[in-house]
Amino acid sequence: MMMNANAAVDASSRTNSKRPKYSRFTQQELSACKPILTPSWVISAFMLVTIVFVPIGLASLFASNHVVEIVNRYDDRCAPSGSKADKVRFIQSSTADKTCNTTLLVHKDMKHPIYVYYQLDNFYQNHRRYVKSRSDQQLRNRNNENDTSTCKPEDFAKGRTVVPCGLVAWSMFNDTFSFSTNNNQTLPVKKRGISWKSDRDHKFGKDVFPKNFQNGDLIGGAHLNESIPLSEQEDLIVWMRTAALPTFRKLYGKIEVDLKAGDTINVILQNNYNTYSFNGKKKLVLSTSSWLGGKNNFIGIAYLAVGGLCFILAIAFTIIYLVKPRRLGDPSYLSWNRNPGGH
């Protein structure tokens, strides 16, 4: 009877125990691979990285160097000379003529499509308060028109709801550009298809129209056509995808005509956007593209740097291995063997 009682207690304790059920996984008895990094394996790994990374880096640099890019800064030339206050006063004036002419010289043949960008420097679109000042629900659905709780201080103007609300939309870029060749042939700029399709289809509603926009006491940037839904206002969609760095480019349009080396492009622009208040810069950029995108040498240089470093390490380890080889797993290198008299 005593043995049966003890067995019952043991069974009960096993039943009520919090010990996990036995398995090879819980007991860490699964088979594992523990590779031994022999000198030959290490040298081979470095050489493999070299063989892969160096061609990718060369191909990236080759593609980037074939991108033709024209960059023209115009904010300093399209404003009166003088102090910062004079320039701010000029850009904020509603009567001053802000039309400005400039010319661009094509130094290499440019195959279409030629992408037209505007570049802003020292503009922090990633500022926390700026990024939060928008309402994605309002942009997406007409039924959420009054959802402006996250849009302060641009949520209401003259007692009415602003659509689209928030600082991001309010500060939209509003300089304009028109192009012609030296023989007075107009270069039309295509404005369709410059934004992400996912943004047009899912983030900006087809039934949401601008209302009471730029109707406050202080005008921030561009105006919007109230008869066109937000899903078709691609300049707004491009601007609303905020940049992560203070220097960024945004797509203005595309030129669907080839340009030849030596061509002169006449540009008539409206210098409306105020970058003088925060010491910003404005640039007009014309660029072709490659399979890698626009002109960007960083990717190629990064691949070449890693590949070159791995090649140097592989050569160094090879020389050390050949000049002063060391037997793998030699116990004589253990500390208690190197100092027999120690404790």
C-alpha atoms as a PDB file:
ATOM      1  CA  MET A   1       0.000   0.000   0.000  1.00  0.00           C
ATOM      2  CA  MET A   2       2.893   2.359   0.823  1.00  0.00           C
ATOM      3  CA  MET A   3       4.487   1.821  -2.625  1.00  0.00           C
ATOM      4  CA  ASN A   4       1.211   2.496  -4.367  1.00  0.00           C
ATOM      5  CA  ALA A   5       0.800   5.719  -2.409  1.00  0.00           C
ATOM      6  CA  ASN A   6       4.315   6.898  -3.301  1.00  0.00           C
ATOM      7  CA  ALA A   7       3.716   6.078  -6.968  1.00  0.00           C
ATOM      8  CA  ALA A   8       0.478   8.068  -6.900  1.00  0.00           C
ATOM      9  CA  VAL A   9       2.295  11.059  -5.345  1.00  0.00           C
ATOM     10  CA  ASP A  10       5.043  10.878  -7.983  1.00  0.00           C
ATOM     11  CA  ALA A  11       2.475  10.694 -10.768  1.00  0.00           C
ATOM     12  CA  SER A  12       0.552  13.625  -9.309  1.00  0.00           C
ATOM     13  CA  SER A  13       3.705  15.728  -8.963  1.00  0.00           C
ATOM     14  CA  ARG A  14       4.663  14.988 -12.552  1.00  0.00           C
ATOM     15  CA  THR A  15       1.180  15.988 -13.687  1.00  0.00           C
ATOM     16  CA  ASN A  16       1.230  19.293 -11.771  1.00  0.00           C
ATOM     17  CA  SER A  17       4.875  20.095 -12.572  1.00  0.00           C
ATOM     18  CA  LYS A  18       5.647  23.203 -14.632  1.00  0.00           C
ATOM     19  CA  ARG A  19       8.507  21.415 -16.309  1.00  0.00           C
ATOM     20  CA  PRO A  20       8.104  21.563 -20.125  1.00  0.00           C
ATOM     21  CA  LYS A  21       7.372  18.410 -21.994  1.00  0.00           C
ATOM     22  CA  TYR A  22      10.513  16.612 -23.007  1.00  0.00           C
ATOM     23  CA  SER A  23      11.677  17.134 -26.571  1.00  0.00           C
ATOM     24  CA  ARG A  24      15.031  17.413 -28.297  1.00  0.00           C
ATOM     25  CA  PHE A  25      14.262  21.085 -28.958  1.00  0.00           C
ATOM     26  CA  THR A  26      13.540  22.049 -25.327  1.00  0.00           C
ATOM     27  CA  GLN A  27      16.552  20.094 -24.116  1.00  0.00           C
ATOM     28  CA  GLN A  28      18.797  21.626 -26.793  1.00  0.00           C
ATOM     29  CA  GLU A  29      19.718  18.256 -28.213  1.00  0.00           C
ATOM     30  CA  LEU A  30      19.169  19.127 -31.880  1.00  0.00           C
ATOM     31  CA  SER A  31      22.078  18.558 -34.177  1.00  0.00           C
ATOM     32  CA  ALA A  32      24.056  21.700 -34.898  1.00  0.00           C
ATOM     33  CA  CYS A  33      26.678  22.732 -37.416  1.00  0.00           C
ATOM     34  CA  LYS A  34      29.813  24.239 -35.954  1.00  0.00           C
ATOM     35  CA  PRO A  35      32.108  25.124 -38.839  1.00  0.00           C
ATOM     36  CA  ILE A  36      35.806  25.352 -38.142  1.00  0.00           C
ATOM     37  CA  LEU A  37      37.251  28.488 -39.749  1.00  0.00           C
ATOM     38  CA  THR A  38      40.474  27.129 -41.109  1.00  0.00           C
ATOM     39  CA  PRO A  39      42.847  29.543 -42.897  1.00  0.00           C
ATOM     40  CA  SER A  40      41.886  28.157 -46.285  1.00  0.00           C
ATOM     41  CA  TRP A  41      38.182  28.707 -45.594  1.00  0.00           C
ATOM     42  CA  VAL A  42      38.747  32.281 -44.396  1.00  0.00           C
ATOM     43  CA  ILE A  43      40.920  33.170 -47.385  1.00  0.00           C
ATOM     44  CA  SER A  44      38.420  31.582 -49.771  1.00  0.00           C
ATOM     45  CA  ALA A  45      35.522  33.524 -48.208  1.00  0.00           C
ATOM     46  CA  PHE A  46      37.338  36.845 -48.595  1.00  0.00           C
ATOM     47  CA  MET A  47      38.235  36.036 -52.202  1.00  0.00           C
ATOM     48  CA  LEU A  48      34.620  35.077 -52.957  1.00  0.00           C
ATOM     49  CA  VAL A  49      33.392  38.450 -51.648  1.00  0.00           C
ATOM     50  CA  THR A  50      36.043  40.160 -53.786  1.00  0.00           C
ATOM     51  CA  ILE A  51      35.021  38.268 -56.919  1.00  0.00           C
ATOM     52  CA  VAL A  52      31.341  39.163 -56.391  1.00  0.00           C
ATOM     53  CA  PHE A  53      31.596  42.751 -55.166  1.00  0.00           C
ATOM     54  CA  VAL A  54      34.237  44.203 -57.510  1.00  0.00           C
ATOM     55  CA  PRO A  55      32.316  43.492 -60.773  1.00  0.00           C
ATOM     56  CA  ILE A  56      29.102  44.839 -59.229  1.00  0.00           C
ATOM     57  CA  GLY A  57      30.923  48.004 -58.165  1.00  0.00           C
ATOM     58  CA  LEU A  58      32.474  48.496 -61.608  1.00  0.00           C
ATOM     59  CA  ALA A  59      29.111  47.941 -63.317  1.00  0.00           C
ATOM     60  CA  SER A  60      27.427  50.431 -60.974  1.00  0.00           C
ATOM     61  CA  LEU A  61      30.061  53.091 -61.599  1.00  0.00           C
ATOM     62  CA  PHE A  62      29.895  52.474 -65.347  1.00  0.00           C
ATOM     63  CA  ALA A  63      26.106  52.919 -65.322  1.00  0.00           C
ATOM     64  CA  SER A  64      26.315  56.041 -63.163  1.00  0.00           C
ATOM     65  CA  ASN A  65      28.950  57.661 -65.390  1.00  0.00           C
ATOM     66  CA  HIS A  66      26.681  57.203 -68.422  1.00  0.00           C
ATOM     67  CA  VAL A  67      23.943  59.275 -66.786  1.00  0.00           C
ATOM     68  CA  VAL A  68      23.959  62.819 -68.176  1.00  0.00           C
ATOM     69  CA  GLU A  69      23.026  65.421 -65.591  1.00  0.00           C
ATOM     70  CA  ILE A  70      22.641  69.206 -65.752  1.00  0.00           C
ATOM     71  CA  VAL A  71      22.385  71.060 -62.442  1.00  0.00           C
ATOM     72  CA  ASN A  72      21.586  74.767 -62.305  1.00  0.00           C
ATOM     73  CA  ARG A  73      21.184  76.778 -59.100  1.00  0.00           C
ATOM     74  CA  TYR A  74      18.841  79.704 -59.643  1.00  0.00           C
ATOM     75  CA  ASP A  75      17.668  81.041 -56.273  1.00  0.00           C
ATOM     76  CA  ASP A  76      20.638  83.401 -55.915  1.00  0.00           C
ATOM     77  CA  ARG A  77      20.330  84.812 -59.457  1.00  0.00           C
ATOM     78  CA  CYS A  78      16.532  85.147 -59.479  1.00  0.00           C
ATOM     79  CA  ALA A  79      16.325  87.452 -56.471  1.00  0.00           C
ATOM     80  CA  PRO A  80      17.587  90.990 -55.948  1.00  0.00           C
ATOM     81  CA  SER A  81      21.077  91.321 -54.554  1.00  0.00           C
ATOM     82  CA  GLY A  82      21.343  92.530 -51.019  1.00  0.00           C
ATOM     83  CA  SER A  83      20.626  91.278 -47.544  1.00  0.00           C
ATOM     84  CA  LYS A  84      18.568  88.277 -46.546  1.00  0.00           C
ATOM     85  CA  ALA A  85      15.748  90.591 -45.450  1.00  0.00           C
ATOM     86  CA  ASP A  86      15.610  92.152 -48.929  1.00  0.00           C
ATOM     87  CA  LYS A  87      15.247  88.745 -50.556  1.00  0.00           C
ATOM     88  CA  VAL A  88      12.562  87.644 -48.106  1.00  0.00           C
ATOM     89  CA  ARG A  89      10.670  90.881 -48.731  1.00  0.00           C
ATOM     90  CA  PHE A  90      10.903  90.312 -52.490  1.00  0.00           C
ATOM     91  CA  ILE A  91       9.715  86.686 -52.404  1.00  0.00           C
ATOM     92  CA  GLN A  92       6.789  87.513 -50.103  1.00  0.00           C
ATOM     93  CA  SER A  93       5.614  90.449 -52.213  1.00  0.00           C
ATOM     94  CA  SER A  94       2.410  89.862 -54.171  1.00  0.00           C
ATOM     95  CA  THR A  95       3.241  92.569 -56.742  1.00  0.00           C
ATOM     96  CA  ALA A  96       6.904  91.842 -57.569  1.00  0.00           C
ATOM     97  CA  ASP A  97       7.639  90.155 -60.894  1.00  0.00           C
ATOM     98  CA  LYS A  98       9.266  86.852 -60.062  1.00  0.00           C
ATOM     99  CA  THR A  99       9.839  85.741 -63.666  1.00  0.00           C
ATOM    100  CA  CYS A 100      13.431  84.694 -64.269  1.00  0.00           C
ATOM    101  CA  ASN A 101      15.289  83.521 -67.381  1.00  0.00           C
ATOM    102  CA  THR A 102      18.221  81.153 -67.451  1.00  0.00           C
ATOM    103  CA  THR A 103      19.964  78.942 -70.005  1.00  0.00           C
ATOM    104  CA  LEU A 104      21.245  75.379 -69.799  1.00  0.00           C
ATOM    105  CA  LEU A 105      23.961  73.974 -72.056  1.00  0.00           C
ATOM    106  CA  VAL A 106      23.732  70.308 -73.027  1.00  0.00           C
ATOM    107  CA  HIS A 107      27.297  68.947 -72.897  1.00  0.00           C
ATOM    108  CA  LYS A 108      26.446  65.344 -73.938  1.00  0.00           C
ATOM    109  CA  ASP A 109      23.628  63.717 -75.884  1.00  0.00           C
ATOM    110  CA  MET A 110      20.593  63.085 -73.695  1.00  0.00           C
ATOM    111  CA  LYS A 111      18.159  60.330 -74.680  1.00  0.00           C
ATOM    112  CA  HIS A 112      14.552  60.665 -73.618  1.00  0.00           C
ATOM    113  CA  PRO A 113      12.919  60.428 -71.217  1.00  0.00           C
ATOM    114  CA  ILE A 114      14.767  63.337 -69.618  1.00  0.00           C
ATOM    115  CA  TYR A 115      13.692  63.783 -66.012  1.00  0.00           C
ATOM    116  CA  VAL A 116      13.187  67.291 -64.653  1.00  0.00           C
ATOM    117  CA  TYR A 117      13.762  67.629 -60.898  1.00  0.00           C
ATOM    118  CA  TYR A 118      13.766  70.479 -58.453  1.00  0.00           C
ATOM    119  CA  GLN A 119      16.292  70.221 -55.635  1.00  0.00           C
ATOM    120  CA  LEU A 120      16.000  71.869 -52.236  1.00  0.00           C
ATOM    121  CA  ASP A 121      18.886  72.221 -49.791  1.00  0.00           C
ATOM    122  CA  ASN A 122      18.602  72.801 -46.033  1.00  0.00           C
ATOM    123  CA  PHE A 123      14.890  71.903 -46.008  1.00  0.00           C
ATOM    124  CA  TYR A 124      14.113  69.447 -43.198  1.00  0.00           C
ATOM    125  CA  GLN A 125      11.043  67.549 -44.369  1.00  0.00           C
ATOM    126  CA  ASN A 126      11.875  64.890 -41.777  1.00  0.00           C
ATOM    127  CA  HIS A 127      11.201  67.189 -38.813  1.00  0.00           C
ATOM    128  CA  ARG A 128       8.916  65.362 -36.390  1.00  0.00           C
ATOM    129  CA  ARG A 129       6.331  68.117 -36.057  1.00  0.00           C
ATOM    130  CA  TYR A 130       6.296  68.717 -39.813  1.00  0.00           C
ATOM    131  CA  VAL A 131       5.859  65.036 -40.709  1.00  0.00           C
ATOM    132  CA  LYS A 132       2.994  64.619 -38.224  1.00  0.00           C
ATOM    133  CA  SER A 133       1.086  67.642 -39.547  1.00  0.00           C
ATOM    134  CA  ARG A 134      -1.083  65.768 -42.062  1.00  0.00           C
ATOM    135  CA  SER A 135      -4.157  63.523 -42.150  1.00  0.00           C
ATOM    136  CA  ASP A 136      -3.842  60.385 -44.238  1.00  0.00           C
ATOM    137  CA  GLN A 137      -7.477  59.500 -43.493  1.00  0.00           C
ATOM    138  CA  GLN A 138      -8.647  62.806 -44.937  1.00  0.00           C
ATOM    139  CA  LEU A 139      -6.493  62.374 -48.048  1.00  0.00           C
ATOM    140  CA  ARG A 140      -7.880  58.881 -48.642  1.00  0.00           C
ATOM    141  CA  ASN A 141     -11.626  59.179 -48.046  1.00  0.00           C
ATOM    142  CA  ARG A 142     -14.146  61.972 -48.535  1.00  0.00           C
ATOM    143  CA  ASN A 143     -16.074  60.814 -45.467  1.00  0.00           C
ATOM    144  CA  ASN A 144     -13.077  61.748 -43.309  1.00  0.00           C
ATOM    145  CA  GLU A 145     -12.976  65.340 -44.510  1.00  0.00           C
ATOM    146  CA  ASN A 146     -13.259  66.701 -40.962  1.00  0.00           C
ATOM    147  CA  ASP A 147     -10.482  64.490 -39.590  1.00  0.00           C
ATOM    148  CA  THR A 148      -7.987  67.292 -38.936  1.00  0.00           C
ATOM    149  CA  SER A 149      -6.874  66.477 -35.392  1.00  0.00           C
ATOM    150  CA  THR A 150      -3.268  65.890 -36.522  1.00  0.00           C
ATOM    151  CA  CYS A 151      -3.049  68.841 -38.918  1.00  0.00           C
ATOM    152  CA  LYS A 152      -2.386  71.767 -36.614  1.00  0.00           C
ATOM    153  CA  PRO A 153      -1.682  74.570 -37.232  1.00  0.00           C
ATOM    154  CA  GLU A 154      -3.097  74.257 -40.777  1.00  0.00           C
ATOM    155  CA  ASP A 155      -6.399  72.562 -39.945  1.00  0.00           C
ATOM    156  CA  PHE A 156      -8.909  75.421 -40.306  1.00  0.00           C
ATOM    157  CA  ALA A 157      -8.896  78.634 -42.306  1.00  0.00           C
ATOM    158  CA  LYS A 158     -11.547  81.290 -41.774  1.00  0.00           C
ATOM    159  CA  GLY A 159     -13.572  78.833 -39.705  1.00  0.00           C
ATOM    160  CA  ARG A 160     -13.740  76.138 -42.377  1.00  0.00           C
ATOM    161  CA  THR A 161     -11.930  72.818 -42.749  1.00  0.00           C
ATOM    162  CA  VAL A 162      -8.856  72.775 -44.992  1.00  0.00           C
ATOM    163  CA  VAL A 163      -8.491  69.938 -47.504  1.00  0.00           C
ATOM    164  CA  PRO A 164      -5.719  68.804 -47.700  1.00  0.00           C
ATOM    165  CA  CYS A 165      -4.790  69.948 -44.228  1.00  0.00           C
ATOM    166  CA  GLY A 166      -1.444  70.110 -42.474  1.00  0.00           C
ATOM    167  CA  LEU A 167       1.942  71.750 -42.914  1.00  0.00           C
ATOM    168  CA  VAL A 168       3.191  69.239 -45.488  1.00  0.00           C
ATOM    169  CA  ALA A 169       0.529  70.096 -48.070  1.00  0.00           C
ATOM    170  CA  TRP A 170       0.526  73.786 -47.097  1.00  0.00           C
ATOM    171  CA  SER A 171       4.262  74.126 -47.867  1.00  0.00           C
ATOM    172  CA  MET A 172       4.026  72.528 -51.319  1.00  0.00           C
ATOM    173  CA  PHE A 173       6.659  73.656 -53.852  1.00  0.00           C
ATOM    174  CA  ASN A 174       5.287  76.227 -56.302  1.00  0.00           C
ATOM    175  CA  ASP A 175       8.088  77.288 -58.650  1.00  0.00           C
ATOM    176  CA  THR A 176       7.243  76.608 -62.310  1.00  0.00           C
ATOM    177  CA  PHE A 177       9.476  75.919 -65.316  1.00  0.00           C
ATOM    178  CA  SER A 178       8.973  76.105 -69.078  1.00  0.00           C
ATOM    179  CA  PHE A 179      11.604  75.018 -71.595  1.00  0.00           C
ATOM    180  CA  SER A 180      12.464  75.825 -75.202  1.00  0.00           C
ATOM    181  CA  THR A 181      15.445  75.183 -77.452  1.00  0.00           C
ATOM    182  CA  ASN A 182      17.682  77.841 -78.995  1.00  0.00           C
ATOM    183  CA  ASN A 183      15.542  77.752 -82.166  1.00  0.00           C
ATOM    184  CA  ASN A 184      12.425  78.606 -80.124  1.00  0.00           C
ATOM    185  CA  GLN A 185      11.046  75.064 -80.242  1.00  0.00           C
ATOM    186  CA  THR A 186       8.994  74.423 -77.111  1.00  0.00           C
ATOM    187  CA  LEU A 187       9.943  71.415 -75.002  1.00  0.00           C
ATOM    188  CA  PRO A 188       6.725  70.175 -73.396  1.00  0.00           C
ATOM    189  CA  VAL A 189       7.012  68.723 -69.908  1.00  0.00           C
ATOM    190  CA  LYS A 190       4.886  65.654 -69.224  1.00  0.00           C
ATOM    191  CA  LYS A 191       3.343  65.825 -65.754  1.00  0.00           C
ATOM    192  CA  ARG A 192       1.451  62.522 -65.783  1.00  0.00           C
ATOM    193  CA  GLY A 193       2.934  59.411 -64.212  1.00  0.00           C
ATOM    194  CA  ILE A 194       5.524  61.233 -62.091  1.00  0.00           C
ATOM    195  CA  SER A 195       4.173  59.882 -58.785  1.00  0.00           C
ATOM    196  CA  TRP A 196       4.026  56.353 -57.388  1.00  0.00           C
ATOM    197  CA  LYS A 197       1.071  54.358 -58.661  1.00  0.00           C
ATOM    198  CA  SER A 198       0.486  52.924 -55.178  1.00  0.00           C
ATOM    199  CA  ASP A 199       0.111  56.470 -53.827  1.00  0.00           C
ATOM    200  CA  ARG A 200      -2.395  57.433 -56.510  1.00  0.00           C
ATOM    201  CA  ASP A 201      -4.457  54.283 -56.043  1.00  0.00           C
ATOM    202  CA  HIS A 202      -4.422  53.864 -52.272  1.00  0.00           C
ATOM    203  CA  LYS A 203      -3.294  57.020 -50.444  1.00  0.00           C
ATOM    204  CA  PHE A 204      -5.155  59.764 -52.306  1.00  0.00           C
ATOM    205  CA  GLY A 205      -8.870  59.410 -52.908  1.00  0.00           C
ATOM    206  CA  LYS A 206     -10.563  59.806 -56.274  1.00  0.00           C
ATOM    207  CA  ASP A 207     -13.512  61.454 -54.521  1.00  0.00           C
ATOM    208  CA  VAL A 208     -11.486  63.874 -52.393  1.00  0.00           C
ATOM    209  CA  PHE A 209     -11.248  67.433 -53.751  1.00  0.00           C
ATOM    210  CA  PRO A 210      -9.297  70.414 -52.381  1.00  0.00           C
ATOM    211  CA  LYS A 211     -11.358  72.796 -50.246  1.00  0.00           C
ATOM    212  CA  ASN A 212     -10.440  76.061 -48.565  1.00  0.00           C
ATOM    213  CA  PHE A 213      -6.780  75.358 -49.376  1.00  0.00           C
ATOM    214  CA  GLN A 214      -4.255  78.244 -49.055  1.00  0.00           C
ATOM    215  CA  ASN A 215      -7.131  80.457 -47.870  1.00  0.00           C
ATOM    216  CA  GLY A 216      -5.597  81.589 -44.583  1.00  0.00           C
ATOM    217  CA  ASP A 217      -3.724  84.717 -43.620  1.00  0.00           C
ATOM    218  CA  LEU A 218      -0.351  83.237 -44.576  1.00  0.00           C
ATOM    219  CA  ILE A 219       0.131  81.487 -47.926  1.00  0.00           C
ATOM    220  CA  GLY A 220       2.598  78.627 -47.775  1.00  0.00           C
ATOM    221  CA  GLY A 221       3.144  77.399 -51.326  1.00  0.00           C
ATOM    222  CA  ALA A 222       1.256  76.184 -54.360  1.00  0.00           C
ATOM    223  CA  HIS A 223      -2.493  76.405 -54.913  1.00  0.00           C
ATOM    224  CA  LEU A 224      -4.579  73.418 -56.022  1.00  0.00           C
ATOM    225  CA  ASN A 225      -7.350  73.163 -58.597  1.00  0.00           C
ATOM    226  CA  GLU A 226     -10.532  72.449 -56.635  1.00  0.00           C
ATOM    227  CA  SER A 227     -12.149  70.661 -59.601  1.00  0.00           C
ATOM    228  CA  ILE A 228      -9.452  67.955 -59.784  1.00  0.00           C
ATOM    229  CA  PRO A 229      -9.387  65.093 -57.239  1.00  0.00           C
ATOM    230  CA  LEU A 230      -6.302  64.593 -55.123  1.00  0.00           C
ATOM    231  CA  SER A 231      -5.508  61.288 -56.854  1.00  0.00           C
ATOM    232  CA  GLU A 232      -4.809  63.247 -60.066  1.00  0.00           C
ATOM    233  CA  GLN A 233      -2.821  66.097 -58.512  1.00  0.00           C
ATOM    234  CA  GLU A 234       0.556  64.458 -58.947  1.00  0.00           C
ATOM    235  CA  ASP A 235       2.658  67.457 -57.939  1.00  0.00           C
ATOM    236  CA  LEU A 236       0.976  67.255 -54.539  1.00  0.00           C
ATOM    237  CA  ILE A 237       1.442  63.477 -54.341  1.00  0.00           C
ATOM    238  CA  VAL A 238       5.163  63.793 -55.096  1.00  0.00           C
ATOM    239  CA  TRP A 239       5.577  66.535 -52.487  1.00  0.00           C
ATOM    240  CA  MET A 240       3.665  64.631 -49.806  1.00  0.00           C
ATOM    241  CA  ARG A 241       6.160  61.743 -49.912  1.00  0.00           C
ATOM    242  CA  THR A 242       8.509  63.400 -47.450  1.00  0.00           C
ATOM    243  CA  ALA A 243      12.266  63.177 -47.822  1.00  0.00           C
ATOM    244  CA  ALA A 244      14.572  61.719 -45.173  1.00  0.00           C
ATOM    245  CA  LEU A 245      17.499  64.109 -45.728  1.00  0.00           C
ATOM    246  CA  PRO A 246      17.690  67.928 -45.755  1.00  0.00           C
ATOM    247  CA  THR A 247      18.934  67.910 -49.359  1.00  0.00           C
ATOM    248  CA  PHE A 248      16.520  66.171 -51.713  1.00  0.00           C
ATOM    249  CA  ARG A 249      15.178  66.104 -55.245  1.00  0.00           C
ATOM    250  CA  LYS A 250      11.602  65.675 -56.340  1.00  0.00           C
ATOM    251  CA  LEU A 251      10.358  64.903 -59.824  1.00  0.00           C
ATOM    252  CA  TYR A 252       8.754  67.858 -61.611  1.00  0.00           C
ATOM    253  CA  GLY A 253       8.083  66.195 -64.971  1.00  0.00           C
ATOM    254  CA  LYS A 254       9.556  64.428 -67.997  1.00  0.00           C
ATOM    255  CA  ILE A 255      10.750  65.708 -71.376  1.00  0.00           C
ATOM    256  CA  GLU A 256      10.008  63.158 -74.112  1.00  0.00           C
ATOM    257  CA  VAL A 257      12.455  64.579 -76.684  1.00  0.00           C
ATOM    258  CA  ASP A 258      16.128  63.763 -77.282  1.00  0.00           C
ATOM    259  CA  LEU A 259      18.641  66.566 -76.778  1.00  0.00           C
ATOM    260  CA  LYS A 260      21.932  66.818 -78.646  1.00  0.00           C
ATOM    261  CA  ALA A 261      25.299  67.903 -77.348  1.00  0.00           C
ATOM    262  CA  GLY A 262      25.724  71.636 -77.845  1.00  0.00           C
ATOM    263  CA  ASP A 263      22.011  72.442 -77.613  1.00  0.00           C
ATOM    264  CA  THR A 264      21.062  75.451 -75.538  1.00  0.00           C
ATOM    265  CA  ILE A 265      17.876  75.239 -73.469  1.00  0.00           C
ATOM    266  CA  ASN A 266      16.123  78.446 -72.525  1.00  0.00           C
ATOM    267  CA  VAL A 267      14.263  78.215 -69.230  1.00  0.00           C
ATOM    268  CA  ILE A 268      11.581  80.626 -68.072  1.00  0.00           C
ATOM    269  CA  LEU A 269      10.849  80.048 -64.398  1.00  0.00           C
ATOM    270  CA  GLN A 270       8.711  81.590 -61.734  1.00  0.00           C
ATOM    271  CA  ASN A 271      10.741  82.081 -58.567  1.00  0.00           C
ATOM    272  CA  ASN A 272       7.873  81.814 -56.065  1.00  0.00           C
ATOM    273  CA  TYR A 273       9.095  79.432 -53.357  1.00  0.00           C
ATOM    274  CA  ASN A 274      10.619  81.053 -50.292  1.00  0.00           C
ATOM    275  CA  THR A 275      13.907  79.413 -49.340  1.00  0.00           C
ATOM    276  CA  TYR A 276      15.566  82.672 -48.296  1.00  0.00           C
ATOM    277  CA  SER A 277      14.011  82.662 -44.821  1.00  0.00           C
ATOM    278  CA  PHE A 278      15.952  79.527 -43.809  1.00  0.00           C
ATOM    279  CA  ASN A 279      19.074  79.960 -46.003  1.00  0.00           C
ATOM    280  CA  GLY A 280      17.965  77.229 -48.364  1.00  0.00           C
ATOM    281  CA  LYS A 281      18.982  76.685 -51.967  1.00  0.00           C
ATOM    282  CA  LYS A 282      16.966  75.834 -55.077  1.00  0.00           C
ATOM    283  CA  LYS A 283      18.327  73.983 -58.080  1.00  0.00           C
ATOM    284  CA  LEU A 284      16.903  72.847 -61.391  1.00  0.00           C
ATOM    285  CA  VAL A 285      18.129  69.417 -62.502  1.00  0.00           C
ATOM    286  CA  LEU A 286      17.804  67.699 -65.881  1.00  0.00           C
ATOM    287  CA  SER A 287      18.925  64.072 -65.879  1.00  0.00           C
ATOM    288  CA  THR A 288      18.760  60.871 -67.869  1.00  0.00           C
ATOM    289  CA  SER A 289      18.607  57.477 -66.171  1.00  0.00           C
ATOM    290  CA  SER A 290      20.209  54.037 -66.269  1.00  0.00           C
ATOM    291  CA  TRP A 291      19.279  50.570 -65.044  1.00  0.00           C
ATOM    292  CA  LEU A 292      20.517  51.726 -61.640  1.00  0.00           C
ATOM    293  CA  GLY A 293      18.456  54.926 -61.633  1.00  0.00           C
ATOM    294  CA  GLY A 294      19.925  58.418 -61.570  1.00  0.00           C
ATOM    295  CA  LYS A 295      23.519  59.493 -61.147  1.00  0.00           C
ATOM    296  CA  ASN A 296      24.842  58.003 -57.923  1.00  0.00           C
ATOM    297  CA  ASN A 297      28.467  56.955 -57.486  1.00  0.00           C
ATOM    298  CA  PHE A 298      28.082  55.933 -53.836  1.00  0.00           C
ATOM    299  CA  ILE A 299      26.810  52.406 -54.540  1.00  0.00           C
ATOM    300  CA  GLY A 300      29.670  51.612 -56.905  1.00  0.00           C
ATOM    301  CA  ILE A 301      32.287  53.086 -54.579  1.00  0.00           C
ATOM    302  CA  ALA A 302      30.856  51.163 -51.604  1.00  0.00           C
ATOM    303  CA  TYR A 303      30.989  47.833 -53.459  1.00  0.00           C
ATOM    304  CA  LEU A 304      34.526  48.512 -54.660  1.00  0.00           C
ATOM    305  CA  ALA A 305      35.652  49.534 -51.173  1.00  0.00           C
ATOM    306  CA  VAL A 306      34.318  46.345 -49.573  1.00  0.00           C
ATOM    307  CA  GLY A 307      35.669  44.178 -52.387  1.00  0.00           C
ATOM    308  CA  GLY A 308      39.087  45.853 -52.218  1.00  0.00           C
ATOM    309  CA  LEU A 309      39.268  45.497 -48.440  1.00  0.00           C
ATOM    310  CA  CYS A 310      38.415  41.800 -48.655  1.00  0.00           C
ATOM    311  CA  PHE A 311      41.078  41.326 -51.345  1.00  0.00           C
ATOM    312  CA  ILE A 312      43.730  42.989 -49.140  1.00  0.00           C
ATOM    313  CA  LEU A 313      42.727  40.835 -46.174  1.00  0.00           C
ATOM    314  CA  ALA A 314      42.841  37.681 -48.312  1.00  0.00           C
ATOM    315  CA  ILE A 315      46.359  38.528 -49.534  1.00  0.00           C
ATOM    316  CA  ALA A 316      47.524  39.394 -46.005  1.00  0.00           C
ATOM    317  CA  PHE A 317      46.179  36.144 -44.527  1.00  0.00           C
ATOM    318  CA  THR A 318      47.713  34.161 -47.394  1.00  0.00           C
ATOM    319  CA  ILE A 319      51.151  35.675 -46.782  1.00  0.00           C
ATOM    320  CA  ILE A 320      50.903  35.048 -43.029  1.00  0.00           C
ATOM    321  CA  TYR A 321      49.769  31.463 -43.638  1.00  0.00           C
ATOM    322  CA  LEU A 322      52.656  30.770 -46.020  1.00  0.00           C
ATOM    323  CA  VAL A 323      55.385  32.593 -44.100  1.00  0.00           C
ATOM    324  CA  LYS A 324      54.465  31.510 -40.591  1.00  0.00           C
ATOM    325  CA  PRO A 325      52.091  28.551 -40.751  1.00  0.00           C
ATOM    326  CA  ARG A 326      50.433  27.272 -37.615  1.00  0.00           C
ATOM    327  CA  ARG A 327      49.146  23.758 -37.097  1.00  0.00           C
ATOM    328  CA  LEU A 328      45.401  23.729 -36.476  1.00  0.00           C
ATOM    329  CA  GLY A 329      44.468  22.826 -32.887  1.00  0.00           C
ATOM    330  CA  ASP A 330      48.061  22.935 -31.614  1.00  0.00           C
ATOM    331  CA  PRO A 331      47.808  22.697 -27.759  1.00  0.00           C
ATOM    332  CA  SER A 332      51.229  24.271 -27.323  1.00  0.00           C
ATOM    333  CA  TYR A 333      49.626  27.684 -27.885  1.00  0.00           C
ATOM    334  CA  LEU A 334      47.425  27.295 -24.809  1.00  0.00           C
ATOM    335  CA  SER A 335      48.323  29.657 -21.975  1.00  0.00           C
ATOM    336  CA  TRP A 336      49.186  26.953 -19.433  1.00  0.00           C
ATOM    337  CA  ASN A 337      51.474  25.264 -21.956  1.00  0.00           C
ATOM    338  CA  ARG A 338      53.262  28.503 -22.936  1.00  0.00           C
ATOM    339  CA  ASN A 339      54.103  29.189 -19.260  1.00  0.00           C
ATOM    340  CA  PRO A 340      54.755  25.812 -17.595  1.00  0.00           C
ATOM    341  CA  GLY A 341      56.015  27.372 -14.346  1.00  0.00           C
ATOM    342  CA  GLY A 342      52.869  29.426 -13.823  1.00  0.00           C
ATOM    343  CA  HIS A 343      49.742  28.467 -11.866  1.00  0.00           C
END
